[in-house]
Protein backbone atom coordinates (compact mmCIF):
# COMPACT_ATOMS: atom_id res chain seq x y z
CA MET A 1 38.23 -12.48 -26.99
CA THR A 2 35.50 -11.52 -29.46
CA GLY A 3 35.63 -9.66 -32.74
CA GLU A 4 33.33 -8.73 -35.57
CA VAL A 5 33.53 -9.44 -39.30
CA THR A 6 33.61 -6.08 -41.06
CA THR A 7 34.57 -7.23 -44.57
CA ILE A 8 34.55 -10.50 -46.51
CA GLN A 9 36.81 -10.69 -49.55
CA ARG A 10 37.31 -13.27 -52.24
CA HIS A 11 39.87 -13.31 -55.06
CA PRO A 12 38.40 -15.35 -57.95
CA LEU A 13 41.58 -15.18 -60.06
CA LYS A 14 44.62 -15.52 -57.77
CA SER A 15 46.57 -12.24 -57.49
CA HIS A 16 44.31 -10.57 -60.08
CA GLY A 17 41.66 -8.69 -58.19
CA ARG A 18 39.47 -8.81 -55.10
CA GLU A 19 35.72 -8.66 -54.57
CA ALA A 20 33.82 -7.73 -51.40
CA LEU A 21 30.93 -9.98 -50.31
CA GLN A 22 28.16 -9.57 -47.77
CA SER A 23 28.07 -13.28 -46.90
CA VAL A 24 29.63 -16.60 -47.77
CA VAL A 25 28.80 -20.23 -47.06
CA LEU A 26 31.81 -22.22 -45.89
CA SER A 27 32.07 -26.02 -46.03
CA ALA A 28 34.16 -28.24 -43.76
CA GLY A 29 37.51 -29.14 -45.27
CA MET A 30 37.10 -26.75 -48.20
CA ASP A 31 38.44 -23.39 -49.31
CA MET A 32 36.16 -20.32 -49.58
CA PRO A 33 33.90 -20.79 -52.62
CA TRP A 34 35.41 -19.15 -55.71
CA ASP A 35 38.39 -17.78 -53.81
CA ARG A 36 41.59 -18.36 -55.85
CA HIS A 37 39.44 -20.63 -58.03
CA TRP A 38 41.70 -19.81 -60.97
CA ALA A 39 45.36 -18.79 -61.20
CA VAL A 40 47.49 -17.39 -64.00
CA ALA A 41 50.27 -19.85 -64.84
CA HIS A 42 53.33 -18.14 -66.27
CA GLU A 43 55.55 -19.44 -69.06
CA ALA A 44 58.04 -21.03 -66.65
CA ALA A 45 55.43 -22.88 -64.58
CA LYS A 46 55.94 -26.55 -63.74
CA LEU A 47 52.50 -27.99 -63.13
CA SER A 48 51.16 -31.46 -62.51
CA GLU A 49 47.79 -31.19 -64.20
CA GLY A 50 44.83 -31.67 -61.89
CA GLU A 51 46.84 -30.95 -58.74
CA TRP A 52 47.32 -27.95 -56.43
CA ALA A 53 50.54 -26.06 -57.18
CA PRO A 54 52.59 -23.55 -55.12
CA CYS A 55 52.52 -19.85 -55.89
CA ALA A 56 55.92 -19.85 -57.63
CA ASN A 57 54.12 -21.20 -60.71
CA PHE A 58 51.80 -18.24 -61.01
CA SER A 59 51.82 -14.57 -61.87
CA ARG A 60 51.48 -12.68 -58.59
CA GLY A 61 51.85 -9.32 -56.93
CA SER A 62 55.25 -10.04 -55.42
CA LYS A 63 56.74 -10.11 -58.92
CA ALA A 64 54.29 -7.84 -60.76
CA PRO A 65 53.13 -5.12 -58.32
CA GLY A 66 50.74 -3.63 -60.87
CA LEU A 67 48.49 -6.64 -60.34
CA MET A 68 47.72 -5.37 -56.84
CA ALA A 69 45.51 -2.60 -58.24
CA ILE A 70 43.05 -4.96 -59.95
CA ASN A 71 39.46 -5.23 -58.74
CA ALA A 72 37.22 -8.16 -59.68
CA ARG A 73 33.56 -8.97 -60.06
CA LEU A 74 32.45 -12.56 -60.68
CA ASP A 75 29.15 -13.58 -62.22
CA GLU A 76 28.96 -17.14 -60.90
CA ALA A 77 25.94 -18.14 -63.03
CA LYS A 78 27.63 -17.09 -66.31
CA GLY A 79 31.17 -17.99 -65.29
CA GLU A 80 32.21 -14.47 -66.30
CA LEU A 81 34.85 -12.42 -64.55
CA THR A 82 35.10 -8.65 -64.87
CA LEU A 83 38.46 -7.06 -64.04
CA SER A 84 39.24 -3.39 -63.64
CA HIS A 85 42.52 -1.53 -63.19
CA PRO A 86 43.24 2.24 -63.06
CA ASP A 87 45.48 2.05 -66.11
CA LEU A 88 43.47 -0.36 -68.26
CA PRO A 89 39.97 -0.58 -69.73
CA ASP A 90 37.59 -2.98 -67.96
CA LEU A 91 37.64 -6.55 -69.21
CA THR A 92 34.89 -9.17 -69.02
CA PHE A 93 35.79 -12.72 -70.01
CA ARG A 94 35.23 -16.36 -69.13
CA PRO A 95 38.30 -17.89 -67.51
CA ASP A 96 37.23 -21.41 -68.54
CA ASP A 97 37.04 -20.45 -72.24
CA ALA A 98 40.47 -20.82 -73.88
CA ASN A 99 39.54 -18.35 -76.65
CA GLU A 100 38.60 -15.68 -74.13
CA VAL A 101 41.68 -16.29 -72.00
CA ALA A 102 43.77 -14.99 -74.90
CA ARG A 103 42.00 -11.64 -74.53
CA PHE A 104 42.82 -11.65 -70.82
CA ILE A 105 46.51 -12.36 -71.50
CA ASP A 106 46.63 -9.42 -73.91
CA TRP A 107 44.87 -7.24 -71.33
CA VAL A 108 47.15 -8.02 -68.37
CA ARG A 109 50.50 -8.11 -70.18
CA PRO A 110 51.07 -4.30 -70.05
CA ILE A 111 51.19 -4.41 -66.23
CA CYS A 112 53.50 -7.43 -66.10
CA PRO A 113 57.23 -6.57 -65.92
CA ALA A 114 59.04 -7.54 -69.13
CA ASP A 115 61.95 -9.10 -67.22
CA ARG A 116 59.70 -11.60 -65.45
CA ALA A 117 58.13 -14.85 -66.71
CA GLN A 118 55.10 -13.79 -68.73
CA PRO A 119 51.48 -14.92 -68.17
CA ALA A 120 50.73 -17.90 -70.32
CA ARG A 121 47.40 -19.53 -69.38
CA ILE A 122 44.78 -19.91 -66.66
CA TYR A 123 45.00 -22.94 -64.40
CA SER A 124 42.39 -24.47 -62.17
CA VAL A 125 41.70 -27.72 -60.30
CA ALA A 126 38.22 -29.03 -59.57
CA GLY A 127 37.38 -28.70 -55.88
CA ARG A 128 40.63 -27.01 -54.89
CA ALA A 129 41.64 -23.39 -54.72
CA MET A 130 45.15 -22.17 -55.58
CA THR A 131 45.75 -20.89 -52.05
CA ASP A 132 49.30 -20.29 -50.87
CA THR A 133 48.82 -23.22 -48.45
CA ASP A 134 49.08 -26.83 -49.59
CA TYR A 135 45.85 -27.51 -47.69
CA PRO A 136 42.40 -25.90 -48.18
CA SER A 137 42.37 -22.69 -46.14
CA VAL A 138 40.80 -19.34 -45.46
CA SER A 139 42.62 -16.32 -44.05
CA LEU A 140 41.88 -13.69 -41.40
CA ILE A 141 43.44 -10.39 -40.35
CA GLY A 142 42.81 -8.05 -37.43
CA LEU A 143 42.16 -4.46 -38.41
CA ALA A 144 43.81 -3.28 -35.16
CA SER A 145 47.03 -4.92 -36.40
CA ASN A 146 46.76 -3.03 -39.68
CA ARG A 147 46.23 0.26 -37.87
CA ALA A 148 49.15 -0.41 -35.51
CA LEU A 149 51.51 -1.13 -38.38
CA GLY A 150 50.31 2.00 -40.20
CA GLU A 151 50.94 4.10 -37.15
CA TYR A 152 54.43 2.64 -36.79
CA ILE A 153 55.18 3.48 -40.45
CA GLY A 154 53.42 6.84 -40.19
CA GLN A 155 50.76 6.42 -42.86
CA ASP A 156 47.34 4.86 -43.45
CA LEU A 157 47.55 1.32 -44.82
CA SER A 158 44.72 -0.18 -46.83
CA PRO A 159 43.81 -3.65 -45.49
CA LEU A 160 43.56 -4.69 -49.15
CA ARG A 161 47.34 -5.03 -49.13
CA TRP A 162 46.98 -8.26 -47.15
CA ARG A 163 44.56 -10.07 -49.57
CA SER A 164 42.75 -11.84 -46.73
CA ASN A 165 39.26 -13.32 -46.70
CA PHE A 166 37.94 -11.99 -43.37
CA TRP A 167 38.71 -8.65 -41.78
CA ILE A 168 38.06 -8.63 -38.03
CA GLU A 169 37.47 -5.58 -35.83
CA GLY A 170 37.61 -5.52 -32.03
CA LEU A 171 40.89 -7.34 -31.42
CA ARG A 172 44.14 -6.29 -29.80
CA PRO A 173 46.94 -5.50 -32.29
CA PHE A 174 48.52 -8.76 -33.54
CA GLU A 175 46.30 -10.81 -31.22
CA GLU A 176 45.60 -13.21 -34.07
CA ARG A 177 49.14 -14.62 -33.80
CA GLU A 178 48.03 -16.18 -30.49
CA TRP A 179 45.34 -18.26 -32.15
CA THR A 180 47.48 -20.93 -33.77
CA GLY A 181 46.18 -24.37 -32.80
CA HIS A 182 42.88 -22.99 -31.48
CA GLU A 183 39.35 -23.26 -32.82
CA MET A 184 37.34 -20.12 -33.55
CA ARG A 185 33.63 -19.69 -34.13
CA LEU A 186 33.03 -17.39 -37.09
CA GLY A 187 29.30 -16.81 -37.71
CA GLU A 188 27.85 -20.32 -38.10
CA ALA A 189 31.22 -21.85 -39.06
CA VAL A 190 34.06 -23.15 -36.92
CA LEU A 191 37.69 -22.68 -38.00
CA ARG A 192 40.94 -24.10 -36.67
CA VAL A 193 43.82 -21.68 -36.98
CA GLU A 194 46.81 -23.46 -38.47
CA GLU A 195 49.64 -20.93 -38.79
CA PRO A 196 50.55 -17.26 -39.24
CA LYS A 197 50.65 -15.91 -42.75
CA VAL A 198 54.20 -14.94 -43.74
CA ARG A 199 54.15 -11.92 -45.98
CA CYS A 200 55.87 -11.15 -49.28
CA LEU A 201 56.69 -8.16 -51.48
CA ALA A 202 53.09 -7.97 -52.78
CA THR A 203 52.13 -6.10 -49.61
CA THR A 204 54.55 -3.26 -50.45
CA ALA A 205 52.40 -2.21 -53.42
CA ASN A 206 49.55 0.28 -53.02
CA PRO A 207 46.29 -1.49 -53.91
CA ALA A 208 44.89 1.72 -55.42
CA THR A 209 47.82 2.25 -57.83
CA GLY A 210 49.83 -0.96 -58.06
CA ILE A 211 52.99 0.98 -57.25
CA ARG A 212 55.37 -0.13 -54.51
CA ASP A 213 55.29 2.71 -52.00
CA THR A 214 55.69 1.23 -48.49
CA ASP A 215 58.22 -1.23 -47.10
CA THR A 216 55.72 -3.24 -45.09
CA LEU A 217 58.18 -6.13 -44.67
CA LYS A 218 60.88 -3.92 -43.17
CA ALA A 219 58.31 -2.39 -40.83
CA LEU A 220 56.99 -5.79 -39.72
CA ASN A 221 60.49 -7.03 -39.00
CA ALA A 222 61.41 -3.87 -37.10
CA MET A 223 58.18 -3.73 -35.11
CA CYS A 224 57.51 -7.40 -34.51
CA GLY A 225 60.70 -9.31 -35.37
CA HIS A 226 58.95 -11.31 -38.13
CA GLN A 227 57.04 -10.94 -41.42
CA ASP A 228 53.78 -12.51 -40.20
CA PHE A 229 50.49 -10.70 -40.67
CA GLY A 230 47.19 -12.51 -40.28
CA VAL A 231 46.56 -16.24 -40.07
CA TYR A 232 45.54 -19.24 -42.16
CA ALA A 233 42.75 -21.47 -40.90
CA LYS A 234 40.99 -24.71 -41.89
CA VAL A 235 37.18 -24.91 -41.91
CA VAL A 236 36.23 -27.68 -39.49
CA LYS A 237 32.50 -26.99 -39.42
CA GLY A 238 30.63 -25.33 -42.28
CA GLY A 239 28.08 -22.60 -42.14
CA THR A 240 27.16 -19.09 -43.27
CA VAL A 241 29.37 -16.14 -42.38
CA GLN A 242 28.02 -12.62 -42.87
CA VAL A 243 29.38 -9.14 -42.40
CA GLY A 244 28.55 -8.20 -38.78
CA ASP A 245 28.95 -11.76 -37.45
CA ARG A 246 31.01 -12.41 -34.36
CA LEU A 247 34.35 -14.16 -34.11
CA GLU A 248 35.12 -15.85 -30.82
CA ARG A 249 37.64 -18.33 -29.51
CA ILE A 250 36.08 -21.60 -28.44
């Protein structure tokens, strides 16, 4: 099989916006640079400082669907993150500056449900992203799978619902589930696919509005018998990946 990278996405602040890239340099054993670099710890979080933590400790789209409509733009040199949302004014702040984080908390609170644990602070760990996996990973989806699910539901689905790093065109629908345990060449890099990505309620929210409008989980279970969509992979050989690069199984 072969496919082509059509979109590269990173999510600098976990669950709070996505940003399209033209290229990225991956390193062996590492996450995608700046992807899930920060996360928003809520008031009930139980964290061991300096260590990776599971997603239950963070504000996320499965609990606060309005977060799914955030877009992000990161200025790496300045350490500044700009967030936009259809119902809020744009915000530019530095996630590593405690004084500026308070402005972010005030900004995001209106789209966080009042009956959920509220955002409290930003958390990060040097050299480790707050991915949903307990190992450094990147994620891939097949656009044919997205189209097939949309056709089953009877509506167009934005691939942004899946919050994945690499969107691949040219595959069979749900072909990526067959890759587990195999190595894939992606541009100059080599990945080893570790497992399917089990989906949550975040995917039911429209990424343009932040409103839950499609039961993607019910559709996946009915169509496929599971809630998997896309895969997690480890980077085993680093290199540059660009939009237009090929993906092929080794």
